[in-house]
Amino acid sequence: MEKYYTILKELEHLLEDINNSKEAQGLKHQQSYLACAKQYNLLRKEFLHHGEISNDHEVEFFRDIKPKIHSKLIYYSVLEKFDEDVRLKDSTEQSEYYLTKLIISKSFIESNRIYESYINSKMQSQVYYHFLRSSNNAMIPSMFEFRETDPEFTTQYDVLSSMIIAHKELISHINRILIPTEDSFQQQKSISAFQWTASKVDLTELIYALHSISCFDDGSATLYNIVSLINPTIDPQEVYRNYSQIKLRPN
C-alpha cells in the first residue's frame, strides 16, 4: 500500500508547484489536469500489476486512496471546461454561469449527504459491498460526463466518493470567484470612500466615458460594475436616466 500513498503524495507536490508558479490561471488548470492524469494512470498500472490483494487492502485502496486522485482528475477536467465556457462571456454572464454551476454542485452534495456522512464516519459496515470489485453490478452516472467504466479499477462507490470530493472543491473554487476577498473588499472600500462633490451630470458623463473606452477588464465591465466601484450608493437606474437626458440636450 505504501507505493499507492507515494503516488498520491507525489501528485500533491506536483499540484502545489503548479499552483505556486507564475503561469496564467488557465494554463495552471491544464498543467494540473495533465499531472492528475499521469498519476492516475500510474496508480492504475501499479494497482493492476500488483495482482491479488486482501479484501481489507482492496477496501482501503478504493475508499481512502483512489478517490483522492480521481477527484482531482475530475475537478481539473471541469475547471478546463469552465475556462473554455466563460472565455467569451462578459462579467455578468460569467457570474450567472458560475452561479448555475454552484447550484448544481450544492444540489449534488445535498442529494448525497447520507453517503458522505457514512464515508466520513469511517464505519466498517458494508465496506465489502461498497468497495470490493466483486460486488459491482452498476456504474455510478456522473453529472460531469466523467464516467468510470473499467471493472478492474472501479467499485460500486469509489466513483461517487470521488465526485463528492470534486464537487466540494468546485464549490470552494466558485465561491472564491464570486465572493470578493478581504483585500479586494478593502481596496474597493478605499476607492469608494471618497465623496463625489461634483454634479450628478458630471458623474454620469464620467461613468459613460469610462465604459466607452473599455478601461476595466478589457471592456467586460458593465455600467453597473463601474457605478458600484465609483459610487456604490447611487442607483444605476438614475445614471441611465441622467444619460438619456444628457443625450437630448442641444449641443
C-alpha atoms as a PDB file:
ATOM      1  CA  MET A   1       0.000   0.000   0.000  1.00  0.00           C
ATOM      2  CA  GLU A   2       2.959   2.311   0.575  1.00  0.00           C
ATOM      3  CA  LYS A   3       3.538   2.682  -3.169  1.00  0.00           C
ATOM      4  CA  TYR A   4      -0.012   3.994  -3.685  1.00  0.00           C
ATOM      5  CA  TYR A   5       0.386   6.602  -0.957  1.00  0.00           C
ATOM      6  CA  THR A   6       3.685   7.659  -2.546  1.00  0.00           C
ATOM      7  CA  ILE A   7       1.910   8.263  -5.873  1.00  0.00           C
ATOM      8  CA  LEU A   8      -0.692  10.369  -4.043  1.00  0.00           C
ATOM      9  CA  LYS A   9       1.980  12.365  -2.222  1.00  0.00           C
ATOM     10  CA  GLU A  10       3.836  12.996  -5.493  1.00  0.00           C
ATOM     11  CA  LEU A  11       0.645  14.395  -7.018  1.00  0.00           C
ATOM     12  CA  GLU A  12       0.128  16.727  -4.068  1.00  0.00           C
ATOM     13  CA  HIS A  13       3.664  18.104  -4.544  1.00  0.00           C
ATOM     14  CA  LEU A  14       3.154  18.499  -8.304  1.00  0.00           C
ATOM     15  CA  LEU A  15      -0.093  20.412  -7.824  1.00  0.00           C
ATOM     16  CA  GLU A  16       1.471  22.628  -5.176  1.00  0.00           C
ATOM     17  CA  ASP A  17       4.359  23.520  -7.506  1.00  0.00           C
ATOM     18  CA  ILE A  18       1.945  24.314 -10.348  1.00  0.00           C
ATOM     19  CA  ASN A  19      -0.240  26.433  -8.087  1.00  0.00           C
ATOM     20  CA  ASN A  20       2.772  28.415  -6.861  1.00  0.00           C
ATOM     21  CA  SER A  21       4.029  29.096 -10.383  1.00  0.00           C
ATOM     22  CA  LYS A  22       3.515  32.428 -12.136  1.00  0.00           C
ATOM     23  CA  GLU A  23       1.644  30.911 -15.082  1.00  0.00           C
ATOM     24  CA  ALA A  24      -1.811  32.135 -16.101  1.00  0.00           C
ATOM     25  CA  GLN A  25      -4.705  30.505 -14.279  1.00  0.00           C
ATOM     26  CA  GLY A  26      -5.972  28.680 -17.361  1.00  0.00           C
ATOM     27  CA  LEU A  27      -2.545  27.192 -18.044  1.00  0.00           C
ATOM     28  CA  LYS A  28      -2.281  26.093 -14.411  1.00  0.00           C
ATOM     29  CA  HIS A  29      -5.553  24.201 -14.797  1.00  0.00           C
ATOM     30  CA  GLN A  30      -4.275  22.454 -17.925  1.00  0.00           C
ATOM     31  CA  GLN A  31      -0.976  21.527 -16.289  1.00  0.00           C
ATOM     32  CA  SER A  32      -2.766  20.303 -13.166  1.00  0.00           C
ATOM     33  CA  TYR A  33      -5.092  18.118 -15.223  1.00  0.00           C
ATOM     34  CA  LEU A  34      -2.149  16.552 -17.073  1.00  0.00           C
ATOM     35  CA  ALA A  35      -0.365  15.892 -13.769  1.00  0.00           C
ATOM     36  CA  CYS A  36      -3.507  14.248 -12.361  1.00  0.00           C
ATOM     37  CA  ALA A  37      -3.955  12.118 -15.479  1.00  0.00           C
ATOM     38  CA  LYS A  38      -0.334  10.959 -15.297  1.00  0.00           C
ATOM     39  CA  GLN A  39      -0.540   9.986 -11.612  1.00  0.00           C
ATOM     40  CA  TYR A  40      -3.969   8.401 -12.067  1.00  0.00           C
ATOM     41  CA  ASN A  41      -2.680   6.187 -14.876  1.00  0.00           C
ATOM     42  CA  LEU A  42       0.383   5.344 -12.792  1.00  0.00           C
ATOM     43  CA  LEU A  43      -1.873   4.407  -9.877  1.00  0.00           C
ATOM     44  CA  ARG A  44      -3.989   2.149 -12.097  1.00  0.00           C
ATOM     45  CA  LYS A  45      -0.930   0.472 -13.622  1.00  0.00           C
ATOM     46  CA  GLU A  46       0.622  -0.145 -10.218  1.00  0.00           C
ATOM     47  CA  PHE A  47      -2.620  -1.496  -8.749  1.00  0.00           C
ATOM     48  CA  LEU A  48      -3.330  -3.912 -11.601  1.00  0.00           C
ATOM     49  CA  HIS A  49       0.307  -5.020 -11.708  1.00  0.00           C
ATOM     50  CA  HIS A  50       0.173  -5.913  -8.018  1.00  0.00           C
ATOM     51  CA  GLY A  51      -2.250  -8.783  -8.652  1.00  0.00           C
ATOM     52  CA  GLU A  52      -4.199 -10.445  -5.843  1.00  0.00           C
ATOM     53  CA  ILE A  53      -4.655  -8.411  -2.663  1.00  0.00           C
ATOM     54  CA  SER A  54      -6.625  -8.971   0.518  1.00  0.00           C
ATOM     55  CA  ASN A  55     -10.181  -7.696   0.844  1.00  0.00           C
ATOM     56  CA  ASP A  56      -9.115  -5.254   3.546  1.00  0.00           C
ATOM     57  CA  HIS A  57      -6.391  -3.769   1.352  1.00  0.00           C
ATOM     58  CA  GLU A  58      -8.789  -3.521  -1.578  1.00  0.00           C
ATOM     59  CA  VAL A  59     -11.284  -1.650   0.598  1.00  0.00           C
ATOM     60  CA  GLU A  60      -8.558   0.700   1.825  1.00  0.00           C
ATOM     61  CA  PHE A  61      -7.429   1.382  -1.732  1.00  0.00           C
ATOM     62  CA  PHE A  62     -10.866   2.167  -3.175  1.00  0.00           C
ATOM     63  CA  ARG A  63     -12.156   4.007  -0.112  1.00  0.00           C
ATOM     64  CA  ASP A  64      -9.123   6.009   1.003  1.00  0.00           C
ATOM     65  CA  ILE A  65      -6.642   6.299  -1.880  1.00  0.00           C
ATOM     66  CA  LYS A  66      -8.142   6.201  -5.357  1.00  0.00           C
ATOM     67  CA  PRO A  67     -10.855   8.878  -4.705  1.00  0.00           C
ATOM     68  CA  LYS A  68      -8.208  11.391  -3.612  1.00  0.00           C
ATOM     69  CA  ILE A  69      -6.532  11.186  -7.029  1.00  0.00           C
ATOM     70  CA  HIS A  70      -9.616  10.507  -9.150  1.00  0.00           C
ATOM     71  CA  SER A  71     -11.412  13.510  -7.619  1.00  0.00           C
ATOM     72  CA  LYS A  72      -8.539  15.803  -8.635  1.00  0.00           C
ATOM     73  CA  LEU A  73      -8.707  14.461 -12.180  1.00  0.00           C
ATOM     74  CA  ILE A  74     -12.441  15.203 -12.308  1.00  0.00           C
ATOM     75  CA  TYR A  75     -12.002  18.613 -10.662  1.00  0.00           C
ATOM     76  CA  TYR A  76      -9.372  19.901 -13.084  1.00  0.00           C
ATOM     77  CA  SER A  77     -11.178  18.496 -16.109  1.00  0.00           C
ATOM     78  CA  VAL A  78     -14.208  20.556 -15.061  1.00  0.00           C
ATOM     79  CA  LEU A  79     -12.093  23.682 -14.471  1.00  0.00           C
ATOM     80  CA  GLU A  80     -10.762  23.367 -18.016  1.00  0.00           C
ATOM     81  CA  LYS A  81     -14.369  23.200 -19.225  1.00  0.00           C
ATOM     82  CA  PHE A  82     -15.237  26.261 -17.117  1.00  0.00           C
ATOM     83  CA  ASP A  83     -12.324  28.209 -18.614  1.00  0.00           C
ATOM     84  CA  GLU A  84     -13.460  27.385 -22.137  1.00  0.00           C
ATOM     85  CA  ASP A  85     -17.122  28.186 -21.453  1.00  0.00           C
ATOM     86  CA  VAL A  86     -16.541  31.632 -19.899  1.00  0.00           C
ATOM     87  CA  ARG A  87     -13.777  32.752 -22.248  1.00  0.00           C
ATOM     88  CA  LEU A  88     -16.070  34.868 -24.465  1.00  0.00           C
ATOM     89  CA  LYS A  89     -18.619  35.866 -21.805  1.00  0.00           C
ATOM     90  CA  ASP A  90     -18.808  39.297 -20.197  1.00  0.00           C
ATOM     91  CA  SER A  91     -18.548  39.669 -16.426  1.00  0.00           C
ATOM     92  CA  THR A  92     -22.312  39.472 -15.867  1.00  0.00           C
ATOM     93  CA  GLU A  93     -22.662  36.337 -17.981  1.00  0.00           C
ATOM     94  CA  GLN A  94     -19.711  34.771 -16.184  1.00  0.00           C
ATOM     95  CA  SER A  95     -21.333  35.409 -12.805  1.00  0.00           C
ATOM     96  CA  GLU A  96     -24.581  33.834 -13.979  1.00  0.00           C
ATOM     97  CA  TYR A  97     -22.670  30.853 -15.372  1.00  0.00           C
ATOM     98  CA  TYR A  98     -20.786  30.244 -12.121  1.00  0.00           C
ATOM     99  CA  LEU A  99     -23.939  30.664 -10.040  1.00  0.00           C
ATOM    100  CA  THR A 100     -25.614  27.945 -12.107  1.00  0.00           C
ATOM    101  CA  LYS A 101     -22.644  25.620 -11.597  1.00  0.00           C
ATOM    102  CA  LEU A 102     -22.618  26.418  -7.884  1.00  0.00           C
ATOM    103  CA  ILE A 103     -26.267  25.395  -7.571  1.00  0.00           C
ATOM    104  CA  ILE A 104     -25.564  22.125  -9.403  1.00  0.00           C
ATOM    105  CA  SER A 105     -22.647  21.242  -7.127  1.00  0.00           C
ATOM    106  CA  LYS A 106     -24.529  22.123  -3.944  1.00  0.00           C
ATOM    107  CA  SER A 107     -27.501  20.077  -5.115  1.00  0.00           C
ATOM    108  CA  PHE A 108     -25.251  17.083  -5.757  1.00  0.00           C
ATOM    109  CA  ILE A 109     -23.695  17.326  -2.294  1.00  0.00           C
ATOM    110  CA  GLU A 110     -27.106  17.643  -0.656  1.00  0.00           C
ATOM    111  CA  SER A 111     -28.535  14.652  -2.523  1.00  0.00           C
ATOM    112  CA  ASN A 112     -25.618  12.504  -1.328  1.00  0.00           C
ATOM    113  CA  ARG A 113     -25.444  13.827   2.227  1.00  0.00           C
ATOM    114  CA  ILE A 114     -26.212  10.465   3.846  1.00  0.00           C
ATOM    115  CA  TYR A 115     -23.494   8.671   1.905  1.00  0.00           C
ATOM    116  CA  GLU A 116     -20.989  11.433   2.671  1.00  0.00           C
ATOM    117  CA  SER A 117     -21.750  11.119   6.385  1.00  0.00           C
ATOM    118  CA  TYR A 118     -21.233   7.370   6.142  1.00  0.00           C
ATOM    119  CA  ILE A 119     -17.830   7.811   4.490  1.00  0.00           C
ATOM    120  CA  ASN A 120     -16.702  10.484   6.939  1.00  0.00           C
ATOM    121  CA  SER A 121     -17.675   8.307   9.894  1.00  0.00           C
ATOM    122  CA  LYS A 122     -15.231   5.567   8.771  1.00  0.00           C
ATOM    123  CA  MET A 123     -17.850   2.965   9.659  1.00  0.00           C
ATOM    124  CA  GLN A 124     -16.887  -0.589   8.701  1.00  0.00           C
ATOM    125  CA  SER A 125     -20.400  -1.810   7.981  1.00  0.00           C
ATOM    126  CA  GLN A 126     -20.980  -2.740   4.334  1.00  0.00           C
ATOM    127  CA  VAL A 127     -17.479  -1.728   3.237  1.00  0.00           C
ATOM    128  CA  TYR A 128     -17.136  -5.010   1.354  1.00  0.00           C
ATOM    129  CA  TYR A 129     -20.296  -4.168  -0.564  1.00  0.00           C
ATOM    130  CA  HIS A 130     -19.213  -0.613  -1.343  1.00  0.00           C
ATOM    131  CA  PHE A 131     -15.517  -1.061  -2.076  1.00  0.00           C
ATOM    132  CA  LEU A 132     -14.877  -4.531  -3.472  1.00  0.00           C
ATOM    133  CA  ARG A 133     -14.838  -5.042  -7.226  1.00  0.00           C
ATOM    134  CA  SER A 134     -16.543  -8.396  -6.795  1.00  0.00           C
ATOM    135  CA  SER A 135     -19.734  -6.610  -5.668  1.00  0.00           C
ATOM    136  CA  ASN A 136     -20.015  -4.464  -8.806  1.00  0.00           C
ATOM    137  CA  ASN A 137     -23.388  -4.571 -10.532  1.00  0.00           C
ATOM    138  CA  ALA A 138     -23.828  -0.993 -11.731  1.00  0.00           C
ATOM    139  CA  MET A 139     -21.878   2.111 -12.617  1.00  0.00           C
ATOM    140  CA  ILE A 140     -22.459   5.430 -10.913  1.00  0.00           C
ATOM    141  CA  PRO A 141     -23.536   8.049 -13.502  1.00  0.00           C
ATOM    142  CA  SER A 142     -21.520  11.252 -13.481  1.00  0.00           C
ATOM    143  CA  MET A 143     -23.001  14.734 -13.693  1.00  0.00           C
ATOM    144  CA  PHE A 144     -19.654  15.728 -15.207  1.00  0.00           C
ATOM    145  CA  GLU A 145     -19.981  13.234 -18.074  1.00  0.00           C
ATOM    146  CA  PHE A 146     -16.904  11.713 -16.453  1.00  0.00           C
ATOM    147  CA  ARG A 147     -17.815   8.063 -16.227  1.00  0.00           C
ATOM    148  CA  GLU A 148     -15.507   5.349 -14.904  1.00  0.00           C
ATOM    149  CA  THR A 149     -16.231   2.068 -16.686  1.00  0.00           C
ATOM    150  CA  ASP A 150     -13.122  -0.035 -16.037  1.00  0.00           C
ATOM    151  CA  PRO A 151     -14.394  -3.019 -13.981  1.00  0.00           C
ATOM    152  CA  GLU A 152     -10.841  -3.912 -12.964  1.00  0.00           C
ATOM    153  CA  PHE A 153     -10.309  -0.490 -11.438  1.00  0.00           C
ATOM    154  CA  THR A 154     -13.770   0.516 -10.225  1.00  0.00           C
ATOM    155  CA  THR A 155     -16.084  -0.403  -7.354  1.00  0.00           C
ATOM    156  CA  GLN A 156     -19.679   0.456  -6.633  1.00  0.00           C
ATOM    157  CA  TYR A 157     -18.964   3.642  -4.729  1.00  0.00           C
ATOM    158  CA  ASP A 158     -15.397   4.888  -5.129  1.00  0.00           C
ATOM    159  CA  VAL A 159     -16.544   6.941  -8.146  1.00  0.00           C
ATOM    160  CA  LEU A 160     -19.282   8.539  -6.054  1.00  0.00           C
ATOM    161  CA  SER A 161     -16.732   9.343  -3.351  1.00  0.00           C
ATOM    162  CA  SER A 162     -14.515  10.986  -5.971  1.00  0.00           C
ATOM    163  CA  MET A 163     -17.400  13.045  -7.315  1.00  0.00           C
ATOM    164  CA  ILE A 164     -18.374  14.277  -3.853  1.00  0.00           C
ATOM    165  CA  ILE A 165     -14.813  15.458  -3.199  1.00  0.00           C
ATOM    166  CA  ALA A 166     -14.666  17.110  -6.635  1.00  0.00           C
ATOM    167  CA  HIS A 167     -18.000  18.892  -6.154  1.00  0.00           C
ATOM    168  CA  LYS A 168     -16.896  20.236  -2.755  1.00  0.00           C
ATOM    169  CA  GLU A 169     -13.699  21.589  -4.304  1.00  0.00           C
ATOM    170  CA  LEU A 170     -15.719  23.150  -7.123  1.00  0.00           C
ATOM    171  CA  ILE A 171     -17.931  24.892  -4.565  1.00  0.00           C
ATOM    172  CA  SER A 172     -14.841  26.374  -2.891  1.00  0.00           C
ATOM    173  CA  HIS A 173     -13.403  27.401  -6.266  1.00  0.00           C
ATOM    174  CA  ILE A 174     -16.609  29.110  -7.417  1.00  0.00           C
ATOM    175  CA  ASN A 175     -17.029  30.885  -4.084  1.00  0.00           C
ATOM    176  CA  ARG A 176     -13.520  32.328  -4.455  1.00  0.00           C
ATOM    177  CA  ILE A 177     -14.578  33.721  -7.839  1.00  0.00           C
ATOM    178  CA  LEU A 178     -17.945  35.118  -6.764  1.00  0.00           C
ATOM    179  CA  ILE A 179     -17.152  36.354  -3.258  1.00  0.00           C
ATOM    180  CA  PRO A 180     -14.595  39.204  -3.043  1.00  0.00           C
ATOM    181  CA  THR A 181     -11.541  38.546  -0.906  1.00  0.00           C
ATOM    182  CA  GLU A 182     -10.814  40.742   2.090  1.00  0.00           C
ATOM    183  CA  ASP A 183      -8.023  42.501   0.157  1.00  0.00           C
ATOM    184  CA  SER A 184     -10.219  43.325  -2.833  1.00  0.00           C
ATOM    185  CA  PHE A 185     -13.002  44.445  -0.497  1.00  0.00           C
ATOM    186  CA  GLN A 186     -10.654  46.802   1.331  1.00  0.00           C
ATOM    187  CA  GLN A 187      -9.341  48.114  -1.990  1.00  0.00           C
ATOM    188  CA  GLN A 188     -12.850  48.826  -3.245  1.00  0.00           C
ATOM    189  CA  LYS A 189     -13.769  50.348   0.104  1.00  0.00           C
ATOM    190  CA  SER A 190     -10.809  52.734  -0.067  1.00  0.00           C
ATOM    191  CA  ILE A 191     -11.739  53.809  -3.617  1.00  0.00           C
ATOM    192  CA  SER A 192     -15.400  54.388  -2.816  1.00  0.00           C
ATOM    193  CA  ALA A 193     -14.629  56.119   0.482  1.00  0.00           C
ATOM    194  CA  PHE A 194     -14.061  59.369  -1.390  1.00  0.00           C
ATOM    195  CA  GLN A 195     -17.157  61.569  -1.629  1.00  0.00           C
ATOM    196  CA  TRP A 196     -18.253  62.748  -5.083  1.00  0.00           C
ATOM    197  CA  THR A 197     -18.721  66.523  -4.828  1.00  0.00           C
ATOM    198  CA  ALA A 198     -19.360  67.472  -8.455  1.00  0.00           C
ATOM    199  CA  SER A 199     -22.783  67.267 -10.111  1.00  0.00           C
ATOM    200  CA  LYS A 200     -24.601  64.043 -10.978  1.00  0.00           C
ATOM    201  CA  VAL A 201     -24.381  65.059 -14.622  1.00  0.00           C
ATOM    202  CA  ASP A 202     -20.584  65.130 -14.333  1.00  0.00           C
ATOM    203  CA  LEU A 203     -20.646  61.747 -12.593  1.00  0.00           C
ATOM    204  CA  THR A 204     -22.845  60.281 -15.318  1.00  0.00           C
ATOM    205  CA  GLU A 205     -20.599  61.582 -18.075  1.00  0.00           C
ATOM    206  CA  LEU A 206     -17.534  60.180 -16.313  1.00  0.00           C
ATOM    207  CA  ILE A 207     -19.108  56.733 -15.913  1.00  0.00           C
ATOM    208  CA  TYR A 208     -20.152  56.555 -19.550  1.00  0.00           C
ATOM    209  CA  ALA A 209     -16.767  57.833 -20.686  1.00  0.00           C
ATOM    210  CA  LEU A 210     -15.000  55.117 -18.694  1.00  0.00           C
ATOM    211  CA  HIS A 211     -17.344  52.497 -20.115  1.00  0.00           C
ATOM    212  CA  SER A 212     -16.903  53.700 -23.699  1.00  0.00           C
ATOM    213  CA  ILE A 213     -13.098  53.383 -23.653  1.00  0.00           C
ATOM    214  CA  SER A 214     -13.222  49.818 -22.221  1.00  0.00           C
ATOM    215  CA  CYS A 215     -10.730  50.601 -19.484  1.00  0.00           C
ATOM    216  CA  PHE A 216     -11.915  47.981 -16.957  1.00  0.00           C
ATOM    217  CA  ASP A 217     -11.290  44.239 -17.506  1.00  0.00           C
ATOM    218  CA  ASP A 218     -10.676  44.734 -21.227  1.00  0.00           C
ATOM    219  CA  GLY A 219     -14.137  46.204 -21.699  1.00  0.00           C
ATOM    220  CA  SER A 220     -16.056  43.401 -19.991  1.00  0.00           C
ATOM    221  CA  ALA A 221     -17.072  45.569 -17.000  1.00  0.00           C
ATOM    222  CA  THR A 222     -20.703  46.669 -17.223  1.00  0.00           C
ATOM    223  CA  LEU A 223     -22.055  50.124 -16.397  1.00  0.00           C
ATOM    224  CA  TYR A 224     -23.389  48.618 -13.192  1.00  0.00           C
ATOM    225  CA  ASN A 225     -19.873  47.401 -12.256  1.00  0.00           C
ATOM    226  CA  ILE A 226     -18.396  50.859 -12.852  1.00  0.00           C
ATOM    227  CA  VAL A 227     -21.160  52.627 -10.906  1.00  0.00           C
ATOM    228  CA  SER A 228     -20.642  50.230  -7.976  1.00  0.00           C
ATOM    229  CA  LEU A 229     -16.906  50.890  -7.998  1.00  0.00           C
ATOM    230  CA  ILE A 230     -17.070  54.696  -8.171  1.00  0.00           C
ATOM    231  CA  ASN A 231     -20.134  55.354  -6.035  1.00  0.00           C
ATOM    232  CA  PRO A 232     -21.944  52.273  -4.675  1.00  0.00           C
ATOM    233  CA  THR A 233     -24.624  54.453  -3.043  1.00  0.00           C
ATOM    234  CA  ILE A 234     -26.037  55.700  -6.340  1.00  0.00           C
ATOM    235  CA  ASP A 235     -28.796  53.851  -8.172  1.00  0.00           C
ATOM    236  CA  PRO A 236     -27.578  52.675 -11.616  1.00  0.00           C
ATOM    237  CA  GLN A 237     -31.050  53.352 -12.993  1.00  0.00           C
ATOM    238  CA  GLU A 238     -30.585  57.004 -12.068  1.00  0.00           C
ATOM    239  CA  VAL A 239     -27.364  57.045 -14.083  1.00  0.00           C
ATOM    240  CA  TYR A 240     -29.209  55.604 -17.077  1.00  0.00           C
ATOM    241  CA  ARG A 241     -31.944  58.253 -16.791  1.00  0.00           C
ATOM    242  CA  ASN A 242     -29.418  61.077 -16.478  1.00  0.00           C
ATOM    243  CA  TYR A 243     -27.557  59.865 -19.526  1.00  0.00           C
ATOM    244  CA  SER A 244     -30.767  59.721 -21.562  1.00  0.00           C
ATOM    245  CA  GLN A 245     -31.432  63.351 -20.628  1.00  0.00           C
ATOM    246  CA  ILE A 246     -27.863  64.345 -21.490  1.00  0.00           C
ATOM    247  CA  LYS A 247     -28.229  62.891 -24.977  1.00  0.00           C
ATOM    248  CA  LEU A 248     -31.345  65.023 -25.524  1.00  0.00           C
ATOM    249  CA  ARG A 249     -29.574  68.265 -24.645  1.00  0.00           C
ATOM    250  CA  PRO A 250     -28.899  70.667 -27.512  1.00  0.00           C
ATOM    251  CA  ASN A 251     -25.212  70.945 -28.358  1.00  0.00           C
END
